[in-house]
Protein backbone atom coordinates (compact mmCIF):
# COMPACT_ATOMS: atom_id res chain seq x y z
CA MET A 1 -15.02 -28.69 -10.08
CA LYS A 2 -12.84 -25.78 -11.07
CA LYS A 3 -14.39 -22.79 -12.56
CA ILE A 4 -12.45 -20.71 -14.96
CA ASP A 5 -13.96 -17.63 -16.81
CA ALA A 6 -12.35 -17.51 -20.07
CA HIS A 7 -13.91 -14.03 -21.18
CA SER A 8 -14.23 -11.31 -18.39
CA HIS A 9 -13.91 -7.53 -18.42
CA ILE A 10 -13.30 -4.99 -15.67
CA GLY A 11 -14.48 -1.41 -15.85
CA SER A 12 -17.75 0.56 -16.36
CA PHE A 13 -20.58 -1.05 -18.36
CA LEU A 14 -24.17 0.10 -18.77
CA CYS A 15 -25.72 -3.04 -17.58
CA GLY A 16 -27.30 -5.02 -14.54
CA LYS A 17 -25.78 -6.03 -11.48
CA GLY A 18 -23.15 -8.87 -11.39
CA HIS A 19 -23.34 -12.21 -9.59
CA GLU A 20 -20.95 -14.43 -7.62
CA TYR A 21 -20.14 -17.70 -9.18
CA GLU A 22 -17.23 -19.00 -7.21
CA ILE A 23 -14.87 -18.76 -10.17
CA GLU A 24 -11.31 -19.67 -9.28
CA LYS A 25 -9.49 -17.91 -12.20
CA THR A 26 -10.60 -15.38 -14.98
CA PHE A 27 -8.96 -14.28 -18.14
CA LEU A 28 -9.35 -10.53 -17.75
CA THR A 29 -9.44 -7.59 -20.14
CA GLY A 30 -10.83 -4.11 -19.67
CA ALA A 31 -14.07 -2.63 -20.65
CA SER A 32 -12.34 -0.91 -23.35
CA PHE A 33 -8.76 -0.49 -24.99
CA ARG A 34 -8.34 2.33 -22.23
CA ASP A 35 -8.70 0.17 -19.17
CA ASN A 36 -5.38 -1.68 -19.22
CA ASP A 37 -4.20 -0.08 -16.03
CA THR A 38 -7.28 -1.15 -14.24
CA VAL A 39 -6.45 -4.73 -15.30
CA ALA A 40 -2.96 -4.29 -14.15
CA LYS A 41 -4.05 -3.18 -10.85
CA ALA A 42 -6.57 -6.08 -10.38
CA PHE A 43 -3.85 -8.63 -11.58
CA HIS A 44 -1.18 -7.25 -9.08
CA LYS A 45 -3.79 -7.46 -6.23
CA TYR A 46 -4.98 -10.93 -7.26
CA PRO A 47 -2.06 -12.49 -9.34
CA ASP A 48 -3.24 -16.21 -8.57
CA LYS A 49 -6.78 -15.49 -9.71
CA ILE A 50 -6.34 -13.36 -12.98
CA VAL A 51 -4.68 -14.01 -16.28
CA PRO A 52 -4.44 -10.50 -17.64
CA PHE A 53 -5.02 -9.51 -21.34
CA VAL A 54 -3.78 -6.31 -22.90
CA TRP A 55 -6.35 -4.67 -25.18
CA VAL A 56 -4.90 -2.70 -27.98
CA ASN A 57 -6.61 -0.73 -30.76
CA PRO A 58 -4.23 -0.74 -33.82
CA LEU A 59 -5.91 2.50 -35.23
CA LEU A 60 -5.24 4.54 -32.03
CA ASP A 61 -2.40 2.79 -30.06
CA ASN A 62 1.33 2.61 -30.57
CA VAL A 63 0.81 -1.22 -30.43
CA PRO A 64 4.52 -2.30 -30.12
CA GLU A 65 5.10 0.03 -27.30
CA LYS A 66 1.85 -0.95 -25.47
CA LEU A 67 2.35 -4.60 -25.86
CA HIS A 68 6.05 -4.41 -24.67
CA HIS A 69 5.00 -2.36 -21.59
CA TYR A 70 2.05 -4.67 -20.62
CA VAL A 71 3.61 -7.83 -21.43
CA CYS A 72 7.14 -7.39 -20.41
CA ASP A 73 6.70 -4.86 -17.68
CA GLU A 74 3.32 -5.65 -16.06
CA GLY A 75 3.36 -9.36 -16.68
CA PHE A 76 0.18 -9.73 -19.05
CA MET A 77 -0.27 -13.12 -20.63
CA GLY A 78 -2.55 -12.39 -23.46
CA ILE A 79 -3.56 -9.89 -26.16
CA LYS A 80 -6.98 -8.68 -27.37
CA MET A 81 -6.82 -6.61 -30.46
CA GLN A 82 -9.90 -4.81 -31.85
């Protein structure tokens, strides 16, 4: 059976160790809105395994510019806004 993780983060967290679950594809965003470049690196390394989401903070980011860069230039496929 295919296993798809529909909510995953990459970056630093103050939590326990991760586990291997044989997930075939993951919808990935950063640990914060500052980790989009980390998501981009992971996506470019594993493009068949990752569906990248750009995380924007409308109070601190230039949202149109950031969305254009990550969606148009980096190939991100989704948006998380918080």
